[in-house]
Amino acid sequence: MTLPDVILVAFNPKAGAADRAELLDCLRRRLEELRFEVHMVDDLTELKSLAAQFQVTGRLRLVVSAGGDGTLAAVAERTAPDTSLAVFPLGTENLMAKWIGATTVVDQFVAAVNANRTVLNDAALANGRLALITIGIGFDAEVVRMVHTRRTGHITKWSYAWPILCTIWKYNFPQFRIKIQNWSEVALPKKTVTLKDNGLADASRLRSWTAPWVFIANLPLYAGGLSIVPHAQPADGLLDVACFSGVGRIRGLFYALCIALRRHTKCRDYSAFLARRITIESSEVTGYQVDGDYGGQLPLEIEILPARIKLLRFDRQDVSLNS
């Protein structure tokens, strides 16, 4: 007797703005109707054990990450690189879901599971922690830290309003010491670029400088519909880095306005790079965030992991099958 393929549904009870138990139960029933053996898992240790167990026997078809971007990163960390992952977006921003077109419409989601098409994306390793979307240092990390310190239940976009105001008032914008290896500069509008991409092949190519604003991204998307690193590509095998060099609260507000207007890449203080490894330090106690979760304090070492995750694709023809 042939045993059915297994789908693990890993969910974060706190992800998103409201309880989604009914939606998850509907997803489970629909997958079971298709003869999958479904396990609902809300413990990451159990997830790692079950994924390894069914991977060895060849029965693991898919691991569904039912939550936000942080949940997806946690799931990817606990599964083998060749494990197929699907995003069932129940978080606040759901940036990866937006990028790949993932949906919580159960029939459409199941149609994509049936089609079983996947795409490989890069990831970054930040002090040993997997990052799939973005790493922010300083200001936005402090906002994230405050949000999670105050957290008592589900997070909404309004959960960030007071922490942002407090951080604008209190944050002192320290300078970061940045070192990047195997790098090249990105051509931007109205900027002269003299460096070439072939510098990426030279392991000795190193640049050091200081800046108070640093962002490392794997997607060109950011919270609130913004795009701080618009040149970011999730499958280029490189870290996509952006920096602002201006110091101070007023300059920071100016950058925020330029980002909202999508004109920040034309600022003379804005620089963008491609790299394979980056180190960031500070003489002051400063934090960093990884995919919207507080990661810890500097120093921070980041390296690229090309084609680290395999994601279920949500193509138009697949989604329309049951629509």
Protein backbone atom coordinates (compact mmCIF):
# COMPACT_ATOMS: atom_id res chain seq x y z
CA MET A 1 0.00 0.00 0.00
CA THR A 2 1.40 3.37 -1.05
CA LEU A 3 1.34 5.97 1.69
CA PRO A 4 0.10 9.48 0.82
CA ASP A 5 2.39 12.46 0.40
CA VAL A 6 2.71 14.64 3.47
CA ILE A 7 2.08 18.37 3.78
CA LEU A 8 3.15 20.12 6.96
CA VAL A 9 1.28 23.35 7.77
CA ALA A 10 3.44 25.43 10.12
CA PHE A 11 1.50 28.30 11.66
CA ASN A 12 2.25 31.10 14.08
CA PRO A 13 -0.75 31.67 16.41
CA LYS A 14 0.29 35.32 16.84
CA ALA A 15 0.92 36.18 13.18
CA GLY A 16 -1.26 38.80 11.52
CA ALA A 17 -4.08 40.99 12.76
CA ALA A 18 -6.63 38.37 13.78
CA ASP A 19 -7.12 34.72 14.60
CA ARG A 20 -7.22 32.61 11.42
CA ALA A 21 -8.15 29.21 12.88
CA GLU A 22 -11.21 28.81 10.64
CA LEU A 23 -9.23 29.61 7.51
CA LEU A 24 -6.48 27.15 8.44
CA ASP A 25 -9.06 24.48 9.15
CA CYS A 26 -10.55 25.04 5.70
CA LEU A 27 -7.10 24.71 4.14
CA ARG A 28 -6.48 21.45 6.02
CA ARG A 29 -9.80 19.95 4.85
CA ARG A 30 -9.21 20.87 1.20
CA LEU A 31 -5.71 19.36 1.22
CA GLU A 32 -7.02 16.18 2.85
CA GLU A 33 -9.69 15.94 0.16
CA LEU A 34 -6.82 15.70 -2.32
CA ARG A 35 -5.47 12.69 -0.42
CA PHE A 36 -2.58 14.46 1.28
CA GLU A 37 -1.64 13.57 4.84
CA VAL A 38 -1.73 16.93 6.60
CA HIS A 39 -0.02 17.80 9.88
CA MET A 40 -0.80 21.14 11.56
CA VAL A 41 2.29 22.27 13.49
CA ASP A 42 2.62 25.29 15.80
CA ASP A 43 5.92 24.28 17.41
CA LEU A 44 9.17 24.91 15.52
CA THR A 45 11.04 22.07 17.22
CA GLU A 46 8.31 19.64 16.19
CA LEU A 47 8.37 21.08 12.66
CA LYS A 48 12.09 20.42 12.29
CA SER A 49 11.68 16.84 13.51
CA LEU A 50 8.68 16.03 11.30
CA ALA A 51 10.23 17.65 8.20
CA ALA A 52 13.42 15.60 8.63
CA GLN A 53 11.44 12.42 9.27
CA PHE A 54 9.25 12.67 6.17
CA GLN A 55 12.10 14.00 4.02
CA VAL A 56 14.11 10.84 4.69
CA THR A 57 11.21 8.58 3.70
CA GLY A 58 10.55 10.62 0.54
CA ARG A 59 6.99 11.47 1.54
CA LEU A 60 7.36 15.20 2.22
CA ARG A 61 5.61 17.04 -0.59
CA LEU A 62 5.46 20.53 0.88
CA VAL A 63 5.81 22.67 4.00
CA VAL A 64 3.27 25.47 4.19
CA SER A 65 4.31 28.57 6.11
CA ALA A 66 1.05 30.01 7.43
CA GLY A 67 2.00 33.36 8.92
CA GLY A 68 4.09 36.39 8.08
CA ASP A 69 7.56 36.93 6.69
CA GLY A 70 9.19 36.08 10.01
CA THR A 71 7.31 32.77 10.11
CA LEU A 72 8.58 31.91 6.62
CA ALA A 73 12.19 32.58 7.64
CA ALA A 74 11.77 30.44 10.77
CA VAL A 75 10.31 27.59 8.70
CA ALA A 76 13.10 27.82 6.11
CA GLU A 77 15.72 27.67 8.88
CA ARG A 78 14.30 24.39 10.12
CA THR A 79 13.91 22.60 6.81
CA ALA A 80 16.46 21.31 4.31
CA PRO A 81 17.39 23.63 1.40
CA ASP A 82 15.68 21.36 -1.15
CA THR A 83 12.36 21.38 0.74
CA SER A 84 9.47 22.94 -1.18
CA LEU A 85 7.92 25.79 0.83
CA ALA A 86 4.58 27.49 0.24
CA VAL A 87 3.50 30.83 1.68
CA PHE A 88 -0.03 31.07 3.10
CA PRO A 89 0.07 34.77 4.02
CA LEU A 90 -1.40 35.51 7.46
CA GLY A 91 1.09 38.15 8.59
CA THR A 92 1.02 41.94 8.69
CA GLU A 93 3.04 42.88 5.60
CA ASN A 94 3.47 39.54 3.80
CA LEU A 95 6.16 40.90 1.49
CA MET A 96 7.29 37.55 0.10
CA ALA A 97 3.67 36.59 -0.55
CA LYS A 98 3.14 39.81 -2.49
CA TRP A 99 6.26 39.16 -4.53
CA ILE A 100 5.31 35.61 -5.58
CA GLY A 101 1.54 36.22 -5.73
CA ALA A 102 0.61 33.90 -2.85
CA THR A 103 -2.99 33.93 -1.70
CA THR A 104 -5.22 32.94 1.22
CA VAL A 105 -8.06 32.05 -1.14
CA VAL A 106 -8.03 28.36 -0.32
CA ASP A 107 -9.18 27.01 -3.72
CA GLN A 108 -6.55 29.10 -5.52
CA PHE A 109 -3.88 28.07 -3.05
CA VAL A 110 -4.72 24.39 -3.53
CA ALA A 111 -4.60 24.84 -7.32
CA ALA A 112 -1.01 26.03 -6.98
CA VAL A 113 -0.22 23.04 -4.76
CA ASN A 114 -1.60 20.76 -7.47
CA ALA A 115 0.49 22.45 -10.17
CA ASN A 116 3.60 22.01 -7.97
CA ARG A 117 5.80 24.55 -9.76
CA THR A 118 8.66 26.05 -7.77
CA VAL A 119 11.24 28.81 -8.00
CA LEU A 120 14.62 29.16 -6.27
CA ASN A 121 15.38 32.31 -4.25
CA ASP A 122 18.51 33.52 -2.52
CA ALA A 123 18.74 34.02 1.22
CA ALA A 124 21.24 35.75 3.49
CA LEU A 125 22.87 34.51 6.65
CA ALA A 126 22.88 37.28 9.29
CA ASN A 127 24.90 36.29 12.37
CA GLY A 128 23.84 32.72 11.71
CA ARG A 129 20.17 33.59 11.20
CA LEU A 130 18.41 33.12 7.88
CA ALA A 131 17.08 36.28 6.21
CA LEU A 132 14.83 36.02 3.15
CA ILE A 133 13.64 39.57 2.56
CA THR A 134 15.35 42.44 4.37
CA ILE A 135 17.86 43.34 7.06
CA GLY A 136 17.68 46.79 8.61
CA ILE A 137 20.18 48.36 10.98
CA GLY A 138 19.56 51.13 13.48
CA PHE A 139 16.36 53.15 13.15
CA ASP A 140 13.97 50.53 11.79
CA ALA A 141 15.48 47.88 14.07
CA GLU A 142 14.67 50.05 17.09
CA VAL A 143 11.08 50.45 15.86
CA VAL A 144 10.76 46.67 15.48
CA ARG A 145 12.26 46.13 18.95
CA MET A 146 9.72 48.49 20.51
CA VAL A 147 6.81 46.84 18.67
CA HIS A 148 7.75 43.39 19.90
CA THR A 149 8.46 44.64 23.44
CA ARG A 150 4.95 46.12 23.62
CA ARG A 151 3.31 43.18 21.86
CA THR A 152 0.44 41.48 23.70
CA GLY A 153 -1.30 39.77 20.78
CA HIS A 154 -1.68 40.13 17.04
CA ILE A 155 0.22 42.95 15.30
CA THR A 156 -1.43 45.40 12.92
CA LYS A 157 0.13 48.21 10.89
CA TRP A 158 -1.11 50.63 13.57
CA SER A 159 1.09 48.79 16.07
CA TYR A 160 4.05 50.60 14.50
CA ALA A 161 2.70 54.16 14.79
CA TRP A 162 3.73 54.97 18.39
CA PRO A 163 7.12 53.18 18.19
CA ILE A 164 7.96 55.14 15.03
CA LEU A 165 7.12 58.46 16.72
CA CYS A 166 9.13 57.54 19.82
CA THR A 167 12.12 56.43 17.77
CA ILE A 168 12.11 59.63 15.69
CA TRP A 169 12.25 61.62 18.94
CA LYS A 170 14.83 59.54 20.84
CA TYR A 171 17.08 57.86 18.27
CA ASN A 172 20.53 59.49 17.95
CA PHE A 173 21.50 58.13 14.50
CA PRO A 174 24.95 56.64 15.20
CA GLN A 175 27.46 56.06 12.40
CA PHE A 176 28.06 52.45 11.33
CA ARG A 177 31.39 51.07 10.19
CA ILE A 178 30.69 49.08 7.06
CA LYS A 179 32.95 46.67 5.19
CA ILE A 180 31.87 44.89 2.03
CA GLN A 181 33.69 42.18 0.10
CA ASN A 182 33.36 41.19 -3.57
CA TRP A 183 31.44 44.31 -4.40
CA SER A 184 30.40 46.56 -7.24
CA GLU A 185 28.40 49.78 -7.33
CA VAL A 186 24.92 49.88 -8.84
CA ALA A 187 24.21 52.35 -11.64
CA LEU A 188 21.61 54.87 -10.46
CA PRO A 189 19.89 57.79 -12.18
CA LYS A 190 22.04 60.95 -12.44
CA LYS A 191 25.05 59.20 -10.89
CA THR A 192 28.40 58.44 -12.45
CA VAL A 193 29.60 54.89 -11.82
CA THR A 194 33.17 53.90 -12.57
CA LEU A 195 33.20 50.41 -11.04
CA LYS A 196 32.40 47.24 -12.95
CA ASP A 197 30.67 44.05 -11.92
CA ASN A 198 33.77 41.97 -12.56
CA GLY A 199 35.06 43.18 -9.20
CA LEU A 200 32.66 40.66 -7.64
CA ALA A 201 34.93 37.84 -8.71
CA ASP A 202 37.87 39.20 -6.72
CA ALA A 203 37.75 37.98 -3.11
CA SER A 204 40.30 40.63 -2.08
CA ARG A 205 38.06 43.49 -3.25
CA LEU A 206 37.13 45.29 -0.02
CA ARG A 207 35.56 48.67 0.71
CA SER A 208 35.18 50.32 4.11
CA TRP A 209 33.22 53.45 4.99
CA THR A 210 30.74 54.86 7.53
CA ALA A 211 27.04 55.66 7.20
CA PRO A 212 24.09 56.07 9.62
CA TRP A 213 21.54 54.29 7.38
CA VAL A 214 22.09 50.80 5.95
CA PHE A 215 19.61 48.41 4.35
CA ILE A 216 20.27 44.96 2.90
CA ALA A 217 17.46 43.50 0.82
CA ASN A 218 16.61 40.40 -1.16
CA LEU A 219 13.36 41.85 -2.53
CA PRO A 220 12.63 45.36 -3.85
CA LEU A 221 9.70 45.55 -1.40
CA TYR A 222 9.56 47.09 2.06
CA ALA A 223 6.89 47.68 4.70
CA GLY A 224 4.07 50.09 3.89
CA GLY A 225 4.35 49.56 0.14
CA LEU A 226 7.74 51.30 0.04
CA SER A 227 10.83 50.25 -1.88
CA ILE A 228 14.12 51.34 -0.29
CA VAL A 229 16.32 49.01 -2.38
CA PRO A 230 14.52 48.98 -5.75
CA HIS A 231 17.42 47.26 -7.51
CA ALA A 232 17.14 44.16 -5.27
CA GLN A 233 16.66 40.84 -7.06
CA PRO A 234 15.86 37.62 -5.16
CA ALA A 235 17.80 35.27 -7.46
CA ASP A 236 20.96 37.15 -8.46
CA GLY A 237 23.26 35.39 -5.99
CA LEU A 238 24.23 38.72 -4.43
CA LEU A 239 23.46 40.92 -1.43
CA ASP A 240 21.66 44.10 -2.48
CA VAL A 241 22.83 46.97 -0.26
CA ALA A 242 21.64 50.58 0.04
CA CYS A 243 23.00 53.39 2.23
CA PHE A 244 22.18 56.99 3.11
CA SER A 245 25.15 59.05 4.28
CA GLY A 246 23.36 62.05 5.80
CA VAL A 247 23.21 62.39 9.58
CA GLY A 248 20.45 63.58 11.88
CA ARG A 249 16.72 63.60 12.45
CA ILE A 250 15.89 66.27 9.85
CA ARG A 251 17.88 64.45 7.19
CA GLY A 252 16.13 61.23 8.14
CA LEU A 253 12.71 62.81 7.69
CA PHE A 254 13.85 64.11 4.30
CA TYR A 255 14.90 60.60 3.28
CA ALA A 256 11.54 59.24 4.42
CA LEU A 257 9.75 61.78 2.22
CA CYS A 258 11.94 60.92 -0.76
CA ILE A 259 11.30 57.19 -0.25
CA ALA A 260 7.54 57.80 -0.06
CA LEU A 261 7.77 59.77 -3.34
CA ARG A 262 10.03 57.08 -4.88
CA ARG A 263 12.75 59.65 -5.57
CA HIS A 264 15.35 58.59 -2.99
CA THR A 265 17.63 56.87 -5.50
CA LYS A 266 18.30 60.31 -7.01
CA CYS A 267 19.49 61.76 -3.69
CA ARG A 268 23.19 62.57 -3.66
CA ASP A 269 23.42 60.87 -0.23
CA TYR A 270 22.10 57.54 -1.56
CA SER A 271 24.42 54.75 -2.72
CA ALA A 272 23.68 51.18 -3.76
CA PHE A 273 25.96 48.17 -4.01
CA LEU A 274 26.07 44.50 -4.85
CA ALA A 275 28.17 42.28 -2.60
CA ARG A 276 28.65 38.75 -1.36
CA ARG A 277 29.65 39.54 2.22
CA ILE A 278 29.19 42.55 4.50
CA THR A 279 30.24 43.38 8.07
CA ILE A 280 28.62 46.20 10.10
CA GLU A 281 29.86 47.52 13.46
CA SER A 282 29.13 50.45 15.73
CA SER A 283 30.76 52.02 18.78
CA GLU A 284 27.26 52.48 20.25
CA VAL A 285 24.73 49.82 21.27
CA THR A 286 22.69 49.40 18.10
CA GLY A 287 20.24 46.73 16.97
CA TYR A 288 19.28 45.11 13.70
CA GLN A 289 16.08 43.52 12.40
CA VAL A 290 15.70 40.47 10.16
CA ASP A 291 12.54 40.10 8.07
CA GLY A 292 10.59 42.28 10.48
CA ASP A 293 11.76 40.56 13.67
CA TYR A 294 14.30 42.01 16.08
CA GLY A 295 17.60 40.17 15.56
CA GLY A 296 19.95 41.47 18.25
CA GLN A 297 22.81 43.95 18.52
CA LEU A 298 25.78 44.78 16.31
CA PRO A 299 28.33 43.65 15.19
CA LEU A 300 26.64 41.93 12.29
CA GLU A 301 28.13 39.65 9.63
CA ILE A 302 26.06 38.89 6.54
CA GLU A 303 26.79 36.56 3.64
CA ILE A 304 24.75 35.51 0.62
CA LEU A 305 23.33 31.99 0.27
CA PRO A 306 22.49 31.64 -3.43
CA ALA A 307 19.36 29.62 -4.33
CA ARG A 308 18.84 28.70 -0.65
CA ILE A 309 15.04 28.35 -0.66
CA LYS A 310 12.59 26.64 -3.01
CA LEU A 311 9.20 28.36 -3.10
CA LEU A 312 5.90 27.25 -4.58
CA ARG A 313 5.00 29.45 -7.56
CA PHE A 314 1.56 31.00 -7.95
CA ASP A 315 1.23 31.37 -11.71
CA ARG A 316 -1.86 32.97 -13.20
CA GLN A 317 -2.91 29.83 -15.06
CA ASP A 318 -2.65 27.75 -11.90
CA VAL A 319 -4.60 30.21 -9.72
CA SER A 320 -7.38 30.43 -12.31
CA LEU A 321 -8.04 26.67 -12.32
CA ASN A 322 -10.53 26.83 -9.46
CA SER A 323 -11.62 30.44 -9.76
